[in-house]
Protein backbone atom coordinates (compact mmCIF):
# COMPACT_ATOMS: atom_id res chain seq x y z
CA UNK A 1 165.93 -77.90 -21.70
CA UNK A 2 165.85 -76.20 -25.10
CA UNK A 3 169.57 -76.84 -25.52
CA UNK A 4 169.04 -80.48 -24.58
CA UNK A 5 166.04 -81.12 -26.83
CA UNK A 6 166.87 -78.57 -29.56
CA UNK A 7 163.14 -78.01 -29.85
CA UNK A 8 160.93 -75.50 -28.04
CA UNK A 9 157.87 -77.78 -28.03
CA UNK A 10 159.70 -80.75 -26.58
CA UNK A 11 161.40 -78.58 -23.97
CA UNK A 12 158.04 -77.07 -23.01
CA UNK A 13 156.47 -80.52 -22.65
CA UNK A 14 159.36 -81.68 -20.45
CA UNK A 15 158.99 -78.57 -18.27
CA UNK A 16 155.21 -78.75 -18.12
CA UNK A 17 154.72 -75.27 -19.57
CA UNK A 18 153.51 -73.86 -22.87
CA UNK A 19 155.72 -73.57 -25.91
CA UNK A 20 155.00 -69.84 -26.13
CA UNK A 21 156.19 -69.40 -22.53
CA UNK A 22 159.51 -71.07 -23.33
CA UNK A 23 159.92 -69.04 -26.53
CA UNK A 24 159.14 -65.78 -24.74
CA UNK A 25 161.53 -66.45 -21.88
CA UNK A 26 164.36 -67.39 -24.23
CA UNK A 27 163.72 -64.28 -26.34
CA UNK A 28 163.79 -62.02 -23.25
CA UNK A 29 167.01 -63.67 -22.06
CA UNK A 30 168.63 -63.21 -25.47
CA UNK A 31 167.60 -59.54 -25.52
CA UNK A 32 169.03 -58.97 -22.02
CA UNK A 33 172.30 -60.70 -22.91
CA UNK A 34 172.49 -59.02 -26.31
CA UNK A 35 173.23 -62.31 -28.10
CA UNK A 36 171.32 -65.07 -29.85
CA UNK A 37 171.46 -68.32 -27.92
CA UNK A 38 169.71 -70.37 -30.60
CA UNK A 39 169.43 -70.39 -34.35
CA UNK A 40 165.76 -70.90 -35.14
CA UNK A 41 164.95 -73.45 -37.84
CA UNK A 42 161.73 -74.79 -39.27
CA UNK A 43 162.15 -78.13 -37.46
CA UNK A 44 163.72 -77.00 -34.20
CA UNK A 45 166.68 -74.95 -33.03
CA UNK A 46 170.43 -75.15 -33.05
CA UNK A 47 172.66 -73.81 -30.30
CA UNK A 48 174.66 -70.77 -31.43
CA UNK A 49 177.33 -71.14 -28.76
CA UNK A 50 179.33 -74.23 -27.94
CA UNK A 51 181.33 -74.56 -24.72
């Protein structure tokens, strides 16, 4: 959802969870994978990897 909305808050609203939950889960996933999935910006995020 974050990749679709490019915004943690909007993704969290769509999923019915808190923004902090989404941020934490993405951060844990990035740490496990050893890569950044998103570039954080003041007004949202940008995907770091394009298929």
